[in-house]
């Protein structure tokens, strides 16, 4: 299932928005992760973390 397959209780399509951030443990990526966590929370987005 993908985001376009999601339906609300009334049968209308619901779009789930997500924010994607990269994380590698570096100081800059820690700052980016903090920013992304706050943004995702404020905007009610899902957060996807890509790590290496």
N, C-alpha and C. Protein backbone atom coordinates (compact mmCIF):
# COMPACT_ATOMS: atom_id res chain seq x y z
N UNK A 1 0.85 -1.18 0.00
CA UNK A 1 0.00 0.00 0.00
C UNK A 1 0.89 1.24 0.00
N UNK A 2 0.51 2.24 -0.76
CA UNK A 2 1.25 3.49 -0.74
C UNK A 2 0.35 4.62 -0.26
N UNK A 3 0.90 5.82 -0.16
CA UNK A 3 0.15 6.96 0.37
C UNK A 3 -1.13 7.23 -0.42
N UNK A 4 -1.12 6.99 -1.71
CA UNK A 4 -2.31 7.27 -2.51
C UNK A 4 -3.43 6.27 -2.26
N UNK A 5 -3.14 5.15 -1.59
CA UNK A 5 -4.15 4.15 -1.29
C UNK A 5 -4.87 4.40 0.03
N UNK A 6 -4.42 5.37 0.81
CA UNK A 6 -5.03 5.61 2.12
C UNK A 6 -6.40 6.23 1.96
N UNK A 7 -7.34 5.81 2.79
CA UNK A 7 -8.70 6.34 2.78
C UNK A 7 -9.08 6.76 4.19
N UNK A 8 -9.91 7.78 4.29
CA UNK A 8 -10.43 8.19 5.59
C UNK A 8 -11.65 7.36 5.92
N UNK A 9 -12.21 7.55 7.11
CA UNK A 9 -13.38 6.80 7.54
C UNK A 9 -14.57 7.04 6.61
N UNK A 10 -14.65 8.23 6.01
CA UNK A 10 -15.79 8.51 5.12
C UNK A 10 -15.52 8.10 3.67
N UNK A 11 -14.41 7.43 3.41
CA UNK A 11 -14.12 6.90 2.09
C UNK A 11 -13.38 7.84 1.16
N UNK A 12 -13.12 9.06 1.59
CA UNK A 12 -12.38 10.01 0.77
C UNK A 12 -10.88 9.77 0.93
N UNK A 13 -10.15 10.06 -0.12
CA UNK A 13 -8.71 9.87 -0.07
C UNK A 13 -8.08 10.85 0.92
N UNK A 14 -7.18 10.34 1.72
CA UNK A 14 -6.44 11.17 2.67
C UNK A 14 -4.97 11.17 2.26
N UNK A 15 -4.41 12.35 2.08
CA UNK A 15 -3.00 12.42 1.71
C UNK A 15 -2.14 12.51 2.96
N UNK A 16 -1.19 11.60 3.07
CA UNK A 16 -0.24 11.62 4.16
C UNK A 16 1.03 12.29 3.66
N UNK A 17 1.42 13.35 4.31
CA UNK A 17 2.63 14.05 3.90
C UNK A 17 3.78 13.60 4.77
N UNK A 18 4.96 13.55 4.17
CA UNK A 18 6.12 13.14 4.94
C UNK A 18 7.30 14.04 4.64
N UNK A 19 8.17 14.09 5.60
CA UNK A 19 9.42 14.82 5.50
C UNK A 19 10.53 13.78 5.56
N UNK A 20 11.50 13.89 4.68
CA UNK A 20 12.61 12.94 4.64
C UNK A 20 13.89 13.67 5.03
N UNK A 21 14.67 13.05 5.92
CA UNK A 21 15.94 13.64 6.35
C UNK A 21 17.02 12.56 6.34
N UNK A 22 18.23 12.96 5.97
CA UNK A 22 19.36 12.05 6.01
C UNK A 22 20.12 12.18 7.32
N UNK A 23 20.63 11.05 7.82
CA UNK A 23 21.35 11.04 9.09
C UNK A 23 22.54 10.10 8.98
N UNK A 24 23.74 10.62 9.34
CA UNK A 24 24.93 9.78 9.33
C UNK A 24 25.73 9.88 10.63
N UNK A 25 25.17 10.56 11.62
CA UNK A 25 25.84 10.69 12.91
C UNK A 25 26.74 11.90 13.04
N UNK A 26 26.95 12.62 11.95
CA UNK A 26 27.79 13.81 12.00
C UNK A 26 27.05 14.94 12.72
N UNK A 27 27.79 15.94 13.21
CA UNK A 27 27.14 17.07 13.88
C UNK A 27 26.10 17.77 12.99
N UNK A 28 26.40 17.93 11.71
CA UNK A 28 25.42 18.56 10.81
C UNK A 28 24.17 17.72 10.65
N UNK A 29 24.33 16.41 10.58
CA UNK A 29 23.14 15.57 10.42
C UNK A 29 22.32 15.52 11.70
N UNK A 30 22.95 15.66 12.86
CA UNK A 30 22.21 15.74 14.12
C UNK A 30 21.36 17.01 14.12
N UNK A 31 21.95 18.13 13.67
CA UNK A 31 21.19 19.37 13.57
C UNK A 31 20.02 19.22 12.59
N UNK A 32 20.27 18.57 11.46
CA UNK A 32 19.22 18.36 10.46
C UNK A 32 18.11 17.49 11.02
N UNK A 33 18.47 16.47 11.77
CA UNK A 33 17.48 15.59 12.37
C UNK A 33 16.63 16.34 13.39
N UNK A 34 17.25 17.16 14.21
CA UNK A 34 16.49 17.98 15.17
C UNK A 34 15.51 18.90 14.46
N UNK A 35 16.00 19.56 13.40
CA UNK A 35 15.14 20.45 12.63
C UNK A 35 13.97 19.67 12.04
N UNK A 36 14.26 18.52 11.45
CA UNK A 36 13.22 17.71 10.80
C UNK A 36 12.19 17.22 11.81
N UNK A 37 12.64 16.81 12.99
CA UNK A 37 11.70 16.38 14.03
C UNK A 37 10.74 17.50 14.40
N UNK A 38 11.28 18.69 14.58
CA UNK A 38 10.43 19.83 14.93
C UNK A 38 9.47 20.18 13.80
N UNK A 39 9.98 20.22 12.57
CA UNK A 39 9.13 20.55 11.43
C UNK A 39 8.02 19.52 11.23
N UNK A 40 8.37 18.26 11.31
CA UNK A 40 7.37 17.20 11.13
C UNK A 40 6.29 17.30 12.20
N UNK A 41 6.70 17.58 13.42
CA UNK A 41 5.74 17.73 14.51
C UNK A 41 4.82 18.93 14.28
N UNK A 42 5.42 20.08 13.95
CA UNK A 42 4.65 21.31 13.74
C UNK A 42 3.66 21.18 12.58
N UNK A 43 4.06 20.48 11.54
CA UNK A 43 3.22 20.36 10.34
C UNK A 43 2.37 19.09 10.31
N UNK A 44 2.52 18.27 11.36
CA UNK A 44 1.79 16.99 11.44
C UNK A 44 2.13 16.09 10.23
N UNK A 45 3.41 16.02 9.89
CA UNK A 45 3.91 15.17 8.81
C UNK A 45 4.53 13.93 9.42
N UNK A 46 4.54 12.86 8.67
CA UNK A 46 5.34 11.70 9.03
C UNK A 46 6.79 12.03 8.74
N UNK A 47 7.70 11.42 9.50
CA UNK A 47 9.13 11.65 9.30
C UNK A 47 9.79 10.35 8.87
N UNK A 48 10.51 10.40 7.76
CA UNK A 48 11.30 9.26 7.29
C UNK A 48 12.77 9.63 7.43
N UNK A 49 13.52 8.81 8.14
CA UNK A 49 14.94 9.06 8.37
C UNK A 49 15.75 8.07 7.53
N UNK A 50 16.60 8.61 6.67
CA UNK A 50 17.51 7.80 5.86
C UNK A 50 18.86 7.87 6.56
N UNK A 51 19.43 6.70 6.86
CA UNK A 51 20.69 6.70 7.61
C UNK A 51 21.73 5.83 6.93
N UNK A 52 22.97 6.15 7.26
CA UNK A 52 24.07 5.34 6.71
C UNK A 52 25.14 5.16 7.77
